Amino acid sequence: MFFDLSYGVDIILMIRIMEYLKRSQVSTVSGLARALGISKRTASKYVRMMNVLGLLEVNVVGKAWYVRLGPKADAFTHLFSGLRPVEVIAR
């Protein structure tokens, strides 16, 4: 099982990762984490998970992980493109 109880948050973060990679083509995990404002540990967790799903391709050179979009990324983005985070409005 890839998703926990907050799978909507997981999918939204995956879409943010793929949107960033569409703009930059190739990135390292640390560059991805820096651009999205998440920790490197969280970024590497999602990169591993998305690699297993076929959404990303990972090339390891030394200690650096170079990440780019995989073959199933477009279908996944199209399927979940309408999903946006819920905004809580305090009264």
N, C-alpha and C. Protein backbone atom coordinates (compact mmCIF):
# COMPACT_ATOMS: atom_id res chain seq x y z
N MET A 1 0.85 -1.18 0.00
CA MET A 1 0.00 0.00 0.00
C MET A 1 0.88 1.24 0.00
N PHE A 2 0.72 2.08 -0.98
CA PHE A 2 1.56 3.27 -1.11
C PHE A 2 1.01 4.46 -0.33
N PHE A 3 -0.29 4.56 -0.21
CA PHE A 3 -0.88 5.76 0.37
C PHE A 3 -1.40 5.48 1.77
N ASP A 4 -1.24 6.44 2.67
CA ASP A 4 -1.79 6.30 4.01
C ASP A 4 -3.16 6.99 4.04
N LEU A 5 -3.63 7.35 5.24
CA LEU A 5 -4.95 7.95 5.35
C LEU A 5 -5.05 9.31 4.68
N SER A 6 -3.95 10.01 4.54
CA SER A 6 -3.97 11.33 3.91
C SER A 6 -3.51 11.24 2.45
N TYR A 7 -4.06 10.29 1.70
CA TYR A 7 -3.59 10.07 0.33
C TYR A 7 -3.82 11.26 -0.57
N GLY A 8 -4.79 12.12 -0.26
CA GLY A 8 -5.01 13.31 -1.07
C GLY A 8 -3.81 14.24 -1.03
N VAL A 9 -3.21 14.37 0.15
CA VAL A 9 -2.00 15.19 0.31
C VAL A 9 -0.85 14.55 -0.46
N ASP A 10 -0.74 13.23 -0.42
CA ASP A 10 0.31 12.53 -1.16
C ASP A 10 0.19 12.79 -2.66
N ILE A 11 -0.99 12.69 -3.18
CA ILE A 11 -1.20 12.88 -4.62
C ILE A 11 -0.91 14.32 -5.02
N ILE A 12 -1.33 15.27 -4.19
CA ILE A 12 -1.07 16.68 -4.50
C ILE A 12 0.43 16.95 -4.51
N LEU A 13 1.17 16.37 -3.57
CA LEU A 13 2.62 16.56 -3.55
C LEU A 13 3.27 15.89 -4.77
N MET A 14 2.76 14.73 -5.17
CA MET A 14 3.28 14.07 -6.37
C MET A 14 3.05 14.94 -7.61
N ILE A 15 1.89 15.56 -7.70
CA ILE A 15 1.60 16.43 -8.84
C ILE A 15 2.52 17.64 -8.82
N ARG A 16 2.78 18.21 -7.64
CA ARG A 16 3.71 19.34 -7.54
C ARG A 16 5.11 18.94 -7.99
N ILE A 17 5.55 17.73 -7.63
CA ILE A 17 6.87 17.24 -8.05
C ILE A 17 6.91 17.11 -9.57
N MET A 18 5.86 16.54 -10.15
CA MET A 18 5.85 16.35 -11.61
C MET A 18 5.74 17.68 -12.35
N GLU A 19 4.99 18.64 -11.81
CA GLU A 19 4.91 19.96 -12.44
C GLU A 19 6.27 20.65 -12.42
N TYR A 20 7.00 20.50 -11.31
CA TYR A 20 8.34 21.09 -11.24
C TYR A 20 9.28 20.44 -12.26
N LEU A 21 9.19 19.11 -12.39
CA LEU A 21 10.05 18.41 -13.34
C LEU A 21 9.68 18.71 -14.79
N LYS A 22 8.43 19.05 -15.06
CA LYS A 22 8.07 19.46 -16.42
C LYS A 22 8.79 20.75 -16.80
N ARG A 23 8.95 21.65 -15.81
CA ARG A 23 9.63 22.92 -16.08
C ARG A 23 11.14 22.76 -16.16
N SER A 24 11.71 21.92 -15.29
CA SER A 24 13.18 21.86 -15.20
C SER A 24 13.78 20.65 -15.91
N GLN A 25 12.99 19.72 -16.41
CA GLN A 25 13.43 18.52 -17.13
C GLN A 25 14.13 17.51 -16.21
N VAL A 26 15.27 17.89 -15.61
CA VAL A 26 16.03 16.99 -14.74
C VAL A 26 16.40 17.75 -13.48
N SER A 27 16.37 17.05 -12.35
CA SER A 27 16.73 17.69 -11.08
C SER A 27 17.31 16.64 -10.15
N THR A 28 18.07 17.10 -9.18
CA THR A 28 18.51 16.21 -8.11
C THR A 28 17.45 16.22 -7.02
N VAL A 29 17.52 15.26 -6.10
CA VAL A 29 16.55 15.21 -5.02
C VAL A 29 16.69 16.44 -4.13
N SER A 30 17.92 16.87 -3.87
CA SER A 30 18.10 18.04 -3.02
C SER A 30 17.59 19.31 -3.71
N GLY A 31 17.79 19.43 -5.01
CA GLY A 31 17.25 20.57 -5.74
C GLY A 31 15.73 20.57 -5.77
N LEU A 32 15.16 19.39 -5.89
CA LEU A 32 13.71 19.23 -5.87
C LEU A 32 13.16 19.64 -4.51
N ALA A 33 13.81 19.19 -3.44
CA ALA A 33 13.37 19.53 -2.09
C ALA A 33 13.46 21.03 -1.85
N ARG A 34 14.55 21.62 -2.30
CA ARG A 34 14.74 23.07 -2.11
C ARG A 34 13.67 23.86 -2.88
N ALA A 35 13.37 23.44 -4.08
CA ALA A 35 12.39 24.16 -4.91
C ALA A 35 10.97 24.05 -4.36
N LEU A 36 10.64 22.91 -3.76
CA LEU A 36 9.28 22.70 -3.27
C LEU A 36 9.12 23.04 -1.79
N GLY A 37 10.22 23.32 -1.11
CA GLY A 37 10.14 23.68 0.30
C GLY A 37 9.85 22.52 1.22
N ILE A 38 10.34 21.33 0.86
CA ILE A 38 10.18 20.15 1.71
C ILE A 38 11.55 19.62 2.08
N SER A 39 11.61 18.70 3.03
CA SER A 39 12.90 18.16 3.45
C SER A 39 13.42 17.17 2.42
N LYS A 40 14.73 16.95 2.44
CA LYS A 40 15.33 15.98 1.50
C LYS A 40 14.83 14.58 1.80
N ARG A 41 14.58 14.29 3.07
CA ARG A 41 14.07 12.97 3.44
C ARG A 41 12.68 12.73 2.83
N THR A 42 11.82 13.73 2.93
CA THR A 42 10.48 13.62 2.34
C THR A 42 10.56 13.52 0.83
N ALA A 43 11.42 14.33 0.23
CA ALA A 43 11.57 14.30 -1.23
C ALA A 43 12.06 12.93 -1.69
N SER A 44 13.04 12.36 -1.00
CA SER A 44 13.55 11.05 -1.41
C SER A 44 12.51 9.96 -1.20
N LYS A 45 11.67 10.08 -0.17
CA LYS A 45 10.59 9.12 0.05
C LYS A 45 9.62 9.13 -1.13
N TYR A 46 9.22 10.32 -1.55
CA TYR A 46 8.28 10.42 -2.67
C TYR A 46 8.94 10.02 -3.99
N VAL A 47 10.20 10.33 -4.17
CA VAL A 47 10.90 9.93 -5.39
C VAL A 47 10.97 8.42 -5.49
N ARG A 48 11.29 7.74 -4.39
CA ARG A 48 11.33 6.27 -4.41
C ARG A 48 9.95 5.70 -4.72
N MET A 49 8.92 6.24 -4.07
CA MET A 49 7.56 5.75 -4.28
C MET A 49 7.12 5.97 -5.73
N MET A 50 7.42 7.15 -6.27
CA MET A 50 7.01 7.46 -7.63
C MET A 50 7.83 6.70 -8.66
N ASN A 51 9.04 6.32 -8.32
CA ASN A 51 9.86 5.49 -9.20
C ASN A 51 9.25 4.10 -9.33
N VAL A 52 8.77 3.55 -8.21
CA VAL A 52 8.14 2.23 -8.24
C VAL A 52 6.86 2.27 -9.08
N LEU A 53 6.12 3.37 -9.00
CA LEU A 53 4.88 3.51 -9.76
C LEU A 53 5.11 3.80 -11.24
N GLY A 54 6.35 4.13 -11.62
CA GLY A 54 6.67 4.44 -13.01
C GLY A 54 6.44 5.90 -13.38
N LEU A 55 6.24 6.75 -12.37
CA LEU A 55 5.99 8.17 -12.64
C LEU A 55 7.29 8.94 -12.83
N LEU A 56 8.38 8.46 -12.24
CA LEU A 56 9.68 9.10 -12.36
C LEU A 56 10.73 8.08 -12.74
N GLU A 57 11.80 8.56 -13.35
CA GLU A 57 12.98 7.74 -13.62
C GLU A 57 14.13 8.32 -12.81
N VAL A 58 14.89 7.45 -12.16
CA VAL A 58 15.97 7.88 -11.29
C VAL A 58 17.28 7.32 -11.81
N ASN A 59 18.27 8.19 -12.00
CA ASN A 59 19.62 7.78 -12.34
C ASN A 59 20.53 8.17 -11.19
N VAL A 60 21.29 7.21 -10.68
CA VAL A 60 22.18 7.48 -9.55
C VAL A 60 23.60 7.62 -10.08
N VAL A 61 24.22 8.77 -9.78
CA VAL A 61 25.61 9.03 -10.15
C VAL A 61 26.33 9.43 -8.88
N GLY A 62 27.18 8.54 -8.39
CA GLY A 62 27.82 8.81 -7.11
C GLY A 62 26.79 8.81 -6.00
N LYS A 63 26.69 9.93 -5.28
CA LYS A 63 25.67 10.06 -4.24
C LYS A 63 24.44 10.81 -4.72
N ALA A 64 24.50 11.40 -5.89
CA ALA A 64 23.40 12.23 -6.39
C ALA A 64 22.37 11.38 -7.13
N TRP A 65 21.11 11.65 -6.86
CA TRP A 65 20.01 11.03 -7.58
C TRP A 65 19.49 12.06 -8.58
N TYR A 66 19.58 11.76 -9.85
CA TYR A 66 19.04 12.63 -10.89
C TYR A 66 17.66 12.10 -11.27
N VAL A 67 16.67 12.95 -11.21
CA VAL A 67 15.28 12.56 -11.38
C VAL A 67 14.70 13.24 -12.61
N ARG A 68 13.93 12.49 -13.39
CA ARG A 68 13.17 13.06 -14.51
C ARG A 68 11.84 12.32 -14.61
N LEU A 69 10.94 12.85 -15.41
CA LEU A 69 9.62 12.25 -15.54
C LEU A 69 9.69 10.88 -16.19
N GLY A 70 8.84 9.98 -15.73
CA GLY A 70 8.79 8.63 -16.26
C GLY A 70 7.69 8.49 -17.31
N PRO A 71 7.50 7.26 -17.80
CA PRO A 71 6.54 7.04 -18.89
C PRO A 71 5.07 7.20 -18.50
N LYS A 72 4.73 7.05 -17.22
CA LYS A 72 3.33 7.12 -16.81
C LYS A 72 2.94 8.47 -16.21
N ALA A 73 3.83 9.43 -16.25
CA ALA A 73 3.60 10.72 -15.59
C ALA A 73 2.44 11.49 -16.20
N ASP A 74 2.33 11.52 -17.52
CA ASP A 74 1.27 12.29 -18.17
C ASP A 74 -0.12 11.74 -17.83
N ALA A 75 -0.25 10.42 -17.83
CA ALA A 75 -1.54 9.81 -17.52
C ALA A 75 -1.94 10.10 -16.08
N PHE A 76 -0.99 10.03 -15.16
CA PHE A 76 -1.27 10.29 -13.75
C PHE A 76 -1.67 11.75 -13.55
N THR A 77 -0.94 12.67 -14.17
CA THR A 77 -1.25 14.09 -14.04
C THR A 77 -2.63 14.40 -14.63
N HIS A 78 -2.95 13.79 -15.76
CA HIS A 78 -4.26 14.01 -16.38
C HIS A 78 -5.38 13.46 -15.50
N LEU A 79 -5.15 12.32 -14.88
CA LEU A 79 -6.17 11.67 -14.05
C LEU A 79 -6.49 12.49 -12.81
N PHE A 80 -5.45 13.05 -12.17
CA PHE A 80 -5.65 13.77 -10.91
C PHE A 80 -5.49 15.28 -11.04
N SER A 81 -5.63 15.83 -12.22
CA SER A 81 -5.37 17.26 -12.41
C SER A 81 -6.39 18.15 -11.70
N GLY A 82 -7.59 17.68 -11.47
CA GLY A 82 -8.61 18.49 -10.80
C GLY A 82 -8.49 18.51 -9.29
N LEU A 83 -7.61 17.71 -8.73
CA LEU A 83 -7.48 17.61 -7.28
C LEU A 83 -6.65 18.77 -6.75
N ARG A 84 -7.22 19.54 -5.87
CA ARG A 84 -6.53 20.68 -5.27
C ARG A 84 -6.69 20.61 -3.75
N PRO A 85 -5.78 21.23 -3.02
CA PRO A 85 -5.89 21.19 -1.55
C PRO A 85 -7.14 21.93 -1.06
N VAL A 86 -7.70 21.42 0.01
CA VAL A 86 -8.88 22.04 0.61
C VAL A 86 -8.43 23.23 1.43
N GLU A 87 -9.08 24.36 1.24
CA GLU A 87 -8.75 25.56 2.00
C GLU A 87 -9.72 25.69 3.17
N VAL A 88 -9.18 25.87 4.36
CA VAL A 88 -10.00 26.04 5.55
C VAL A 88 -10.14 27.53 5.80
N ILE A 89 -11.37 27.99 5.87
CA ILE A 89 -11.63 29.40 6.11
C ILE A 89 -12.18 29.56 7.52
N ALA A 90 -11.46 30.29 8.35
CA ALA A 90 -11.90 30.51 9.74
C ALA A 90 -12.92 31.65 9.77
N ARG A 91 -13.89 31.51 10.64
CA ARG A 91 -14.91 32.56 10.76
C ARG A 91 -14.70 33.35 12.01
